[in-house]
Amino acid sequence: MGFMKTNHLKNLAWVMVFTGLVVSGVMALAQDSAVPNTAQPVPQLAYGVPQILQLAQAKVSDDTIIAYIKNSGNSYGLNADQIIYLRQQGVSDNVLTTMLNQ
């Protein structure tokens, strides 16, 4: 009977340790989610820019995107915030340069 009590106490101890770890993990996640989002807001994008972004995110080749830009007749007039945002979203430097030269 003493062996069963010892075994039961060991199991109870493991459950308490595990529960403590889970609670600690949940608390850490809750604290992380309470941190304010300091990411830059999405800048207002000029007409035609969302389509370029969509093509870049679809992994269309730079040559194809550049041809699209040159044939669009659009003037993009990108500012620094827009350039940084587009670069962070995966638009290449070659595509950005073509947009600026359009």
N, C-alpha and C. Protein backbone atom coordinates (compact mmCIF):
# COMPACT_ATOMS: atom_id res chain seq x y z
N MET A 1 0.82 -1.18 0.00
CA MET A 1 0.00 0.00 0.00
C MET A 1 0.87 1.26 0.00
N GLY A 2 2.01 1.24 0.70
CA GLY A 2 2.92 2.38 0.74
C GLY A 2 3.49 2.70 -0.63
N PHE A 3 3.74 1.69 -1.43
CA PHE A 3 4.27 1.87 -2.78
C PHE A 3 3.26 2.63 -3.64
N MET A 4 1.97 2.30 -3.53
CA MET A 4 0.94 2.96 -4.32
C MET A 4 0.80 4.43 -3.93
N LYS A 5 0.93 4.73 -2.63
CA LYS A 5 0.84 6.12 -2.17
C LYS A 5 2.02 6.91 -2.72
N THR A 6 3.21 6.32 -2.70
CA THR A 6 4.40 6.99 -3.21
C THR A 6 4.26 7.25 -4.70
N ASN A 7 3.78 6.25 -5.42
CA ASN A 7 3.57 6.39 -6.85
C ASN A 7 2.54 7.48 -7.15
N HIS A 8 1.47 7.49 -6.37
CA HIS A 8 0.42 8.48 -6.54
C HIS A 8 0.96 9.89 -6.27
N LEU A 9 1.78 10.03 -5.24
CA LEU A 9 2.37 11.34 -4.93
C LEU A 9 3.32 11.79 -6.03
N LYS A 10 4.09 10.85 -6.60
CA LYS A 10 4.98 11.20 -7.71
C LYS A 10 4.18 11.68 -8.91
N ASN A 11 3.10 10.96 -9.23
CA ASN A 11 2.25 11.37 -10.35
C ASN A 11 1.63 12.73 -10.09
N LEU A 12 1.17 12.96 -8.88
CA LEU A 12 0.58 14.24 -8.52
C LEU A 12 1.61 15.36 -8.65
N ALA A 13 2.83 15.10 -8.23
CA ALA A 13 3.90 16.09 -8.34
C ALA A 13 4.16 16.43 -9.80
N TRP A 14 4.20 15.42 -10.67
CA TRP A 14 4.43 15.67 -12.10
C TRP A 14 3.29 16.48 -12.71
N VAL A 15 2.09 16.17 -12.32
CA VAL A 15 0.93 16.93 -12.82
C VAL A 15 1.04 18.38 -12.39
N MET A 16 1.44 18.61 -11.15
CA MET A 16 1.57 19.98 -10.66
C MET A 16 2.68 20.73 -11.39
N VAL A 17 3.81 20.06 -11.64
CA VAL A 17 4.92 20.68 -12.37
C VAL A 17 4.46 21.02 -13.78
N PHE A 18 3.81 20.07 -14.45
CA PHE A 18 3.34 20.28 -15.81
C PHE A 18 2.34 21.43 -15.86
N THR A 19 1.39 21.44 -14.93
CA THR A 19 0.40 22.50 -14.87
C THR A 19 1.07 23.86 -14.65
N GLY A 20 2.07 23.88 -13.80
CA GLY A 20 2.80 25.13 -13.56
C GLY A 20 3.50 25.62 -14.81
N LEU A 21 4.08 24.70 -15.59
CA LEU A 21 4.74 25.09 -16.83
C LEU A 21 3.73 25.62 -17.85
N VAL A 22 2.60 24.96 -17.94
CA VAL A 22 1.57 25.41 -18.88
C VAL A 22 1.07 26.79 -18.49
N VAL A 23 0.79 26.99 -17.21
CA VAL A 23 0.31 28.29 -16.75
C VAL A 23 1.36 29.36 -17.00
N SER A 24 2.63 29.05 -16.76
CA SER A 24 3.71 30.01 -17.02
C SER A 24 3.77 30.38 -18.50
N GLY A 25 3.62 29.38 -19.35
CA GLY A 25 3.64 29.63 -20.79
C GLY A 25 2.48 30.49 -21.24
N VAL A 26 1.30 30.23 -20.70
CA VAL A 26 0.12 31.02 -21.05
C VAL A 26 0.30 32.45 -20.57
N MET A 27 0.83 32.64 -19.40
CA MET A 27 1.05 33.99 -18.88
C MET A 27 2.06 34.74 -19.74
N ALA A 28 3.11 34.05 -20.18
CA ALA A 28 4.11 34.70 -21.03
C ALA A 28 3.49 35.11 -22.35
N LEU A 29 2.66 34.26 -22.93
CA LEU A 29 1.99 34.62 -24.18
C LEU A 29 1.05 35.79 -23.98
N ALA A 30 0.35 35.80 -22.88
CA ALA A 30 -0.57 36.90 -22.61
C ALA A 30 0.19 38.22 -22.47
N GLN A 31 1.35 38.18 -21.84
CA GLN A 31 2.15 39.39 -21.69
C GLN A 31 2.67 39.85 -23.04
N ASP A 32 3.11 38.91 -23.89
CA ASP A 32 3.60 39.27 -25.22
C ASP A 32 2.50 39.92 -26.05
N SER A 33 1.28 39.42 -25.95
CA SER A 33 0.20 39.98 -26.75
C SER A 33 -0.23 41.34 -26.23
N ALA A 34 0.14 41.68 -25.00
CA ALA A 34 -0.21 42.98 -24.44
C ALA A 34 0.75 44.07 -24.92
N VAL A 35 1.87 43.68 -25.54
CA VAL A 35 2.83 44.65 -26.04
C VAL A 35 2.20 45.36 -27.24
N PRO A 36 2.21 46.68 -27.25
CA PRO A 36 1.58 47.39 -28.37
C PRO A 36 2.31 47.12 -29.68
N ASN A 37 1.55 47.10 -30.76
CA ASN A 37 2.11 46.88 -32.08
C ASN A 37 2.79 48.15 -32.54
N THR A 38 4.09 48.10 -32.71
CA THR A 38 4.84 49.29 -33.11
C THR A 38 5.14 49.28 -34.60
N ALA A 39 4.55 48.36 -35.35
CA ALA A 39 4.77 48.30 -36.79
C ALA A 39 4.20 49.56 -37.44
N GLN A 40 4.86 49.96 -38.51
CA GLN A 40 4.40 51.12 -39.25
C GLN A 40 3.06 50.82 -39.89
N PRO A 41 2.16 51.80 -39.92
CA PRO A 41 0.89 51.58 -40.61
C PRO A 41 1.12 51.49 -42.12
N VAL A 42 0.21 50.84 -42.81
CA VAL A 42 0.32 50.72 -44.26
C VAL A 42 0.08 52.09 -44.86
N PRO A 43 1.03 52.59 -45.67
CA PRO A 43 0.83 53.91 -46.26
C PRO A 43 -0.23 53.86 -47.36
N GLN A 44 -0.83 55.00 -47.63
CA GLN A 44 -1.78 55.12 -48.73
C GLN A 44 -1.00 54.88 -50.02
N LEU A 45 -1.47 53.96 -50.85
CA LEU A 45 -0.78 53.62 -52.10
C LEU A 45 -1.50 54.25 -53.28
N ALA A 46 -0.72 54.84 -54.18
CA ALA A 46 -1.27 55.50 -55.36
C ALA A 46 -1.93 54.50 -56.29
N TYR A 47 -2.75 54.99 -57.18
CA TYR A 47 -3.44 54.16 -58.16
C TYR A 47 -2.41 53.29 -58.91
N GLY A 48 -2.68 52.02 -58.98
CA GLY A 48 -1.82 51.09 -59.71
C GLY A 48 -0.79 50.40 -58.85
N VAL A 49 -0.43 51.00 -57.72
CA VAL A 49 0.61 50.40 -56.86
C VAL A 49 0.14 49.08 -56.24
N PRO A 50 -1.10 48.97 -55.76
CA PRO A 50 -1.54 47.68 -55.21
C PRO A 50 -1.41 46.52 -56.22
N GLN A 51 -1.60 46.80 -57.50
CA GLN A 51 -1.47 45.76 -58.51
C GLN A 51 -0.02 45.31 -58.64
N ILE A 52 0.91 46.25 -58.56
CA ILE A 52 2.34 45.91 -58.61
C ILE A 52 2.70 45.05 -57.40
N LEU A 53 2.21 45.44 -56.23
CA LEU A 53 2.45 44.68 -55.01
C LEU A 53 1.89 43.26 -55.15
N GLN A 54 0.70 43.16 -55.70
CA GLN A 54 0.07 41.85 -55.89
C GLN A 54 0.91 40.97 -56.82
N LEU A 55 1.42 41.53 -57.89
CA LEU A 55 2.26 40.77 -58.81
C LEU A 55 3.54 40.30 -58.14
N ALA A 56 4.17 41.19 -57.37
CA ALA A 56 5.41 40.84 -56.68
C ALA A 56 5.18 39.73 -55.66
N GLN A 57 4.08 39.83 -54.91
CA GLN A 57 3.78 38.82 -53.90
C GLN A 57 3.39 37.48 -54.52
N ALA A 58 2.95 37.51 -55.78
CA ALA A 58 2.62 36.28 -56.50
C ALA A 58 3.86 35.68 -57.16
N LYS A 59 5.03 36.30 -56.90
CA LYS A 59 6.32 35.82 -57.42
C LYS A 59 6.40 35.90 -58.94
N VAL A 60 5.70 36.88 -59.55
CA VAL A 60 5.85 37.15 -60.97
C VAL A 60 7.25 37.72 -61.17
N SER A 61 7.91 37.38 -62.26
CA SER A 61 9.29 37.81 -62.47
C SER A 61 9.39 39.33 -62.59
N ASP A 62 10.55 39.85 -62.21
CA ASP A 62 10.79 41.30 -62.31
C ASP A 62 10.60 41.78 -63.75
N ASP A 63 11.10 41.01 -64.72
CA ASP A 63 10.96 41.43 -66.12
C ASP A 63 9.50 41.61 -66.51
N THR A 64 8.65 40.72 -66.07
CA THR A 64 7.22 40.81 -66.39
C THR A 64 6.59 42.00 -65.69
N ILE A 65 6.94 42.20 -64.43
CA ILE A 65 6.38 43.34 -63.68
C ILE A 65 6.85 44.65 -64.30
N ILE A 66 8.11 44.72 -64.69
CA ILE A 66 8.64 45.94 -65.30
C ILE A 66 7.94 46.22 -66.63
N ALA A 67 7.70 45.19 -67.42
CA ALA A 67 6.96 45.37 -68.67
C ALA A 67 5.56 45.88 -68.38
N TYR A 68 4.93 45.34 -67.35
CA TYR A 68 3.59 45.78 -66.95
C TYR A 68 3.61 47.26 -66.58
N ILE A 69 4.62 47.66 -65.80
CA ILE A 69 4.74 49.06 -65.36
C ILE A 69 4.90 49.97 -66.57
N LYS A 70 5.81 49.60 -67.48
CA LYS A 70 6.10 50.43 -68.65
C LYS A 70 4.89 50.55 -69.57
N ASN A 71 4.07 49.52 -69.64
CA ASN A 71 2.90 49.54 -70.52
C ASN A 71 1.66 50.11 -69.84
N SER A 72 1.74 50.36 -68.53
CA SER A 72 0.56 50.82 -67.80
C SER A 72 0.23 52.28 -68.07
N GLY A 73 1.25 53.08 -68.33
CA GLY A 73 1.04 54.51 -68.51
C GLY A 73 0.82 55.24 -67.19
N ASN A 74 0.93 54.53 -66.08
CA ASN A 74 0.74 55.15 -64.76
C ASN A 74 2.00 55.87 -64.32
N SER A 75 1.82 56.93 -63.55
CA SER A 75 2.89 57.61 -62.84
C SER A 75 2.70 57.29 -61.37
N TYR A 76 3.69 56.70 -60.74
CA TYR A 76 3.49 56.17 -59.39
C TYR A 76 3.83 57.16 -58.28
N GLY A 77 4.79 58.04 -58.49
CA GLY A 77 5.10 59.07 -57.51
C GLY A 77 5.25 58.56 -56.08
N LEU A 78 6.12 57.60 -55.89
CA LEU A 78 6.29 56.99 -54.58
C LEU A 78 7.05 57.90 -53.63
N ASN A 79 6.60 57.95 -52.36
CA ASN A 79 7.37 58.66 -51.35
C ASN A 79 8.18 57.64 -50.54
N ALA A 80 8.99 58.12 -49.61
CA ALA A 80 9.89 57.24 -48.86
C ALA A 80 9.14 56.16 -48.09
N ASP A 81 8.03 56.52 -47.44
CA ASP A 81 7.25 55.53 -46.69
C ASP A 81 6.72 54.43 -47.60
N GLN A 82 6.26 54.81 -48.77
CA GLN A 82 5.73 53.83 -49.71
C GLN A 82 6.84 52.91 -50.23
N ILE A 83 8.00 53.48 -50.52
CA ILE A 83 9.13 52.68 -51.01
C ILE A 83 9.54 51.67 -49.95
N ILE A 84 9.67 52.12 -48.72
CA ILE A 84 10.06 51.22 -47.62
C ILE A 84 9.02 50.13 -47.44
N TYR A 85 7.76 50.49 -47.45
CA TYR A 85 6.69 49.50 -47.29
C TYR A 85 6.74 48.46 -48.41
N LEU A 86 6.83 48.92 -49.65
CA LEU A 86 6.86 47.99 -50.78
C LEU A 86 8.07 47.08 -50.72
N ARG A 87 9.21 47.63 -50.30
CA ARG A 87 10.42 46.80 -50.18
C ARG A 87 10.22 45.74 -49.11
N GLN A 88 9.62 46.11 -47.99
CA GLN A 88 9.36 45.15 -46.91
C GLN A 88 8.38 44.06 -47.35
N GLN A 89 7.54 44.39 -48.32
CA GLN A 89 6.56 43.42 -48.81
C GLN A 89 7.12 42.55 -49.94
N GLY A 90 8.38 42.77 -50.31
CA GLY A 90 9.02 41.88 -51.28
C GLY A 90 9.16 42.44 -52.68
N VAL A 91 8.81 43.70 -52.90
CA VAL A 91 9.00 44.30 -54.21
C VAL A 91 10.49 44.58 -54.37
N SER A 92 11.05 44.15 -55.51
CA SER A 92 12.49 44.27 -55.71
C SER A 92 12.92 45.71 -55.98
N ASP A 93 14.21 45.96 -55.82
CA ASP A 93 14.76 47.28 -56.12
C ASP A 93 14.59 47.63 -57.59
N ASN A 94 14.76 46.65 -58.48
CA ASN A 94 14.60 46.91 -59.92
C ASN A 94 13.18 47.38 -60.24
N VAL A 95 12.20 46.74 -59.65
CA VAL A 95 10.80 47.13 -59.88
C VAL A 95 10.55 48.52 -59.29
N LEU A 96 11.05 48.79 -58.10
CA LEU A 96 10.87 50.09 -57.48
C LEU A 96 11.51 51.19 -58.32
N THR A 97 12.71 50.94 -58.82
CA THR A 97 13.40 51.92 -59.65
C THR A 97 12.60 52.20 -60.92
N THR A 98 12.05 51.16 -61.52
CA THR A 98 11.24 51.34 -62.73
C THR A 98 10.00 52.17 -62.41
N MET A 99 9.37 51.91 -61.26
CA MET A 99 8.20 52.70 -60.86
C MET A 99 8.58 54.17 -60.68
N LEU A 100 9.74 54.41 -60.08
CA LEU A 100 10.17 55.80 -59.86
C LEU A 100 10.51 56.51 -61.17
N ASN A 101 11.02 55.76 -62.13
CA ASN A 101 11.40 56.35 -63.42
C ASN A 101 10.22 56.49 -64.38
N GLN A 102 9.10 55.91 -64.05
CA GLN A 102 7.94 55.91 -64.95
C GLN A 102 7.35 57.30 -65.06
